[in-house]
Amino acid sequence: MTIAPSDSSTKASDLLTLACWMAGDFSNQKQSFANPQLYAHIHIFFRPLPFEFFSAIGFYSEQVYDHDLWTPYRQGVHKLVDCGDRIYIENYSLKDPILYAGAARELDILKTITAESIQRRYNCSMVFVREDKMFRGSVEPGNECVISRNGRQTYLVSEVEVTEHTWLSLDRGMDIETHEQIWGSTAGPLRFEKRESFAEELYAVSALC
């Protein structure tokens, strides 16, 4: 599904375009196979939630290794918010994530996620701005999205580029005192290509956006 807003389109149509481009199964298979020592083969799934969940467009996401699709190493819930000249994606964690493993591929599991299952990750929203045929996103400013990793307190630096068919991301954790990188890729961004689109699941909400 392709939605290409005209020059007179509203920011709401930009939000819907971003949602349609996000909705899918993304894989970095080409990158991994070309350089397996640096990049594992990973999938990122963004599966649309029912509109009623947030009374807005929302997603459940999973990041998993290709060889172990039932054991995601990262899961989340996301709400898209129109903020005028930019789009915020509010991020939520799952209180008991293992209960929802596989929900990106099995809709029966997806339906079991409720508002009581999640909690807001404050200071960790992603901010997206449209640049022609791409959306560029980064974590909200302030260095306050704090993540504990290996006994260290770090803040998240996240940079994302989204097109209709690709997802490029670079996540790094920086020490809150020294600002040195503690975790994340040192070999450059992960480069994903869309293998399957779930954009048709957004048809039902398109008239509301």
Protein backbone atom coordinates (compact mmCIF):
# COMPACT_ATOMS: atom_id res chain seq x y z
CA MET A 1 0.00 0.00 0.00
CA THR A 2 1.46 3.34 -1.06
CA ILE A 3 0.28 6.66 0.27
CA ALA A 4 2.04 9.65 -1.26
CA PRO A 5 0.62 12.92 0.07
CA SER A 6 0.36 15.86 -2.31
CA ASP A 7 2.03 19.19 -1.64
CA SER A 8 -1.17 20.38 0.02
CA SER A 9 -1.47 17.35 2.29
CA THR A 10 -1.95 17.78 6.00
CA LYS A 11 0.38 16.63 8.72
CA ALA A 12 -2.22 13.97 9.51
CA SER A 13 -1.53 12.38 6.13
CA ASP A 14 2.21 12.43 6.93
CA LEU A 15 1.40 10.55 10.12
CA LEU A 16 -0.58 7.96 8.18
CA THR A 17 2.20 7.65 5.61
CA LEU A 18 4.75 7.02 8.36
CA ALA A 19 2.42 4.45 9.91
CA CYS A 20 1.97 2.63 6.60
CA TRP A 21 5.70 2.57 5.97
CA MET A 22 6.39 1.27 9.48
CA ALA A 23 3.79 -1.49 9.36
CA GLY A 24 5.67 -4.62 8.38
CA ASP A 25 8.28 -7.30 8.87
CA PHE A 26 11.76 -5.89 8.27
CA SER A 27 14.92 -7.99 7.90
CA ASN A 28 18.62 -7.13 7.62
CA GLN A 29 19.33 -10.44 5.87
CA LYS A 30 21.45 -8.88 3.10
CA GLN A 31 23.59 -6.96 5.58
CA SER A 32 24.00 -9.98 7.83
CA PHE A 33 24.91 -12.39 5.04
CA ALA A 34 27.42 -9.91 3.60
CA ASN A 35 29.16 -9.41 6.95
CA PRO A 36 28.05 -12.05 9.50
CA GLN A 37 30.87 -11.27 11.91
CA LEU A 38 29.49 -7.79 12.51
CA TYR A 39 25.74 -8.19 12.01
CA ALA A 40 23.38 -10.89 13.24
CA HIS A 41 20.31 -11.66 11.11
CA ILE A 42 17.50 -9.74 12.82
CA HIS A 43 13.83 -9.04 12.18
CA ILE A 44 11.94 -5.95 13.35
CA PHE A 45 8.17 -6.36 13.33
CA PHE A 46 5.74 -3.45 13.65
CA ARG A 47 2.19 -4.81 13.88
CA PRO A 48 -0.74 -2.36 14.00
CA LEU A 49 -2.87 -2.41 17.13
CA PRO A 50 -6.64 -1.92 16.97
CA PHE A 51 -7.45 1.79 16.77
CA GLU A 52 -9.46 1.50 19.98
CA PHE A 53 -6.34 0.59 21.98
CA PHE A 54 -5.10 4.22 22.04
CA SER A 55 -7.92 5.92 20.12
CA ALA A 56 -5.03 6.60 17.77
CA ILE A 57 -2.66 4.66 15.54
CA GLY A 58 -0.51 2.32 17.58
CA PHE A 59 1.86 -0.59 17.10
CA TYR A 60 3.23 -3.59 18.91
CA SER A 61 6.87 -4.25 18.01
CA GLU A 62 9.32 -7.11 18.36
CA GLN A 63 13.00 -7.47 17.56
CA VAL A 64 14.13 -11.06 17.20
CA TYR A 65 17.00 -13.09 15.83
CA ASP A 66 16.02 -14.97 12.68
CA HIS A 67 17.02 -18.31 14.19
CA ASP A 68 14.82 -17.84 17.28
CA LEU A 69 11.60 -16.06 16.27
CA TRP A 70 9.77 -17.00 19.48
CA THR A 71 12.27 -15.32 21.80
CA PRO A 72 12.28 -11.58 21.11
CA TYR A 73 15.07 -9.62 22.74
CA ARG A 74 13.12 -6.36 22.56
CA GLN A 75 9.37 -5.72 22.67
CA GLY A 76 7.37 -2.53 22.89
CA VAL A 77 4.13 -0.68 22.26
CA HIS A 78 4.05 2.63 20.41
CA LYS A 79 1.54 5.44 19.92
CA LEU A 80 1.82 7.90 17.02
CA VAL A 81 1.02 11.52 17.93
CA ASP A 82 0.66 14.45 15.52
CA CYS A 83 2.64 17.39 16.91
CA GLY A 84 2.31 19.81 14.03
CA ASP A 85 5.65 20.02 12.27
CA ARG A 86 6.75 16.64 13.60
CA ILE A 87 5.41 13.27 14.68
CA TYR A 88 6.05 11.87 18.14
CA ILE A 89 6.06 8.14 18.76
CA GLU A 90 5.40 7.53 22.43
CA ASN A 91 7.09 4.36 23.67
CA TYR A 92 5.67 1.94 26.21
CA SER A 93 7.16 -1.15 27.82
CA LEU A 94 5.28 -4.35 28.58
CA LYS A 95 5.05 -5.26 32.25
CA ASP A 96 5.37 -8.99 31.50
CA PRO A 97 6.74 -9.14 27.95
CA ILE A 98 7.22 -12.90 27.72
CA LEU A 99 3.42 -13.30 27.74
CA TYR A 100 3.25 -11.54 24.38
CA ALA A 101 6.21 -13.09 22.58
CA GLY A 102 5.20 -13.83 19.01
CA ALA A 103 2.32 -11.31 18.99
CA ALA A 104 3.76 -9.63 15.90
CA ARG A 105 3.07 -12.82 13.93
CA GLU A 106 0.14 -14.35 15.81
CA LEU A 107 -2.84 -12.01 16.01
CA ASP A 108 -4.51 -14.13 18.69
CA ILE A 109 -1.63 -13.20 21.00
CA LEU A 110 -1.71 -9.57 19.87
CA LYS A 111 -5.35 -9.33 20.97
CA THR A 112 -4.39 -10.19 24.54
CA ILE A 113 -2.39 -6.96 25.00
CA THR A 114 -4.38 -4.46 27.07
CA ALA A 115 -3.81 -0.98 28.41
CA GLU A 116 -3.10 -2.56 31.80
CA SER A 117 -0.26 -4.58 30.21
CA ILE A 118 1.90 -1.54 29.42
CA GLN A 119 3.62 1.38 31.09
CA ARG A 120 4.90 4.60 29.55
CA ARG A 121 8.64 5.04 29.02
CA TYR A 122 8.89 8.72 29.80
CA ASN A 123 11.59 10.81 28.07
CA CYS A 124 11.98 8.03 25.48
CA SER A 125 9.68 9.19 22.69
CA MET A 126 11.01 9.20 19.15
CA VAL A 127 10.58 12.42 17.16
CA PHE A 128 10.15 12.07 13.37
CA VAL A 129 10.34 14.75 10.69
CA ARG A 130 9.53 14.19 7.03
CA GLU A 131 12.30 14.86 4.52
CA ASP A 132 10.85 14.30 1.03
CA LYS A 133 10.62 10.50 0.58
CA MET A 134 12.03 9.68 4.02
CA PHE A 135 11.23 10.22 7.67
CA ARG A 136 14.18 10.90 9.96
CA GLY A 137 13.76 10.20 13.67
CA SER A 138 15.71 10.54 16.89
CA VAL A 139 15.02 10.14 20.58
CA GLU A 140 13.58 13.25 22.19
CA PRO A 141 16.24 15.74 23.36
CA GLY A 142 17.62 15.94 26.89
CA ASN A 143 19.56 12.67 27.26
CA GLU A 144 16.96 11.51 29.79
CA CYS A 145 15.93 8.16 28.29
CA VAL A 146 17.90 6.19 30.89
CA ILE A 147 18.66 2.48 30.47
CA SER A 148 20.60 0.33 32.93
CA ARG A 149 23.00 -2.03 31.19
CA ASN A 150 25.69 -4.21 32.80
CA GLY A 151 25.61 -2.20 35.99
CA ARG A 152 26.01 1.13 34.20
CA GLN A 153 23.50 3.93 33.86
CA THR A 154 23.28 4.97 30.23
CA TYR A 155 21.15 7.28 28.14
CA LEU A 156 19.81 6.23 24.77
CA VAL A 157 20.91 7.82 21.52
CA SER A 158 18.71 6.49 18.73
CA GLU A 159 18.68 7.53 15.08
CA VAL A 160 16.24 6.12 12.53
CA GLU A 161 15.55 6.61 8.82
CA VAL A 162 12.34 5.20 7.35
CA THR A 163 11.30 4.93 3.70
CA GLU A 164 8.46 3.00 2.11
CA HIS A 165 10.62 -0.13 1.86
CA THR A 166 13.51 0.30 4.33
CA TRP A 167 14.27 0.87 8.01
CA LEU A 168 17.73 2.04 9.06
CA SER A 169 18.51 2.33 12.77
CA LEU A 170 21.42 3.00 15.06
CA ASP A 171 20.94 2.64 18.84
CA ARG A 172 23.70 3.43 21.30
CA GLY A 173 23.88 3.64 25.07
CA MET A 174 26.09 6.41 26.45
CA ASP A 175 27.38 6.66 30.02
CA ILE A 176 25.41 9.39 31.79
CA GLU A 177 28.57 10.78 33.41
CA THR A 178 31.37 10.29 30.87
CA HIS A 179 29.23 10.16 27.68
CA GLU A 180 31.32 7.24 26.40
CA GLN A 181 29.52 4.54 24.44
CA ILE A 182 28.73 1.51 26.63
CA TRP A 183 26.52 -0.58 24.34
CA GLY A 184 25.14 -0.64 20.83
CA SER A 185 26.60 -0.96 17.37
CA THR A 186 30.13 0.23 16.72
CA ALA A 187 30.03 -0.93 13.10
CA GLY A 188 27.34 1.43 11.89
CA PRO A 189 23.56 1.28 11.54
CA LEU A 190 21.43 -1.79 10.97
CA ARG A 191 19.90 -1.75 7.48
CA PHE A 192 16.55 -3.49 7.13
CA GLU A 193 14.39 -4.15 4.10
CA LYS A 194 10.65 -4.75 4.28
CA ARG A 195 9.77 -8.40 3.62
CA GLU A 196 6.04 -8.13 4.30
CA SER A 197 3.74 -5.15 4.70
CA PHE A 198 0.95 -4.96 7.30
CA ALA A 199 -0.26 -1.59 5.98
CA GLU A 200 -3.63 -3.00 4.91
CA GLU A 201 -4.43 -3.42 8.60
CA LEU A 202 -4.41 0.39 8.81
CA TYR A 203 -7.14 0.82 6.19
CA ALA A 204 -9.82 0.78 8.84
CA VAL A 205 -8.34 3.80 10.62
CA SER A 206 -7.22 5.81 7.61
CA ALA A 207 -10.43 7.83 7.49
CA LEU A 208 -9.82 8.88 11.08
CA CYS A 209 -6.33 10.25 10.50
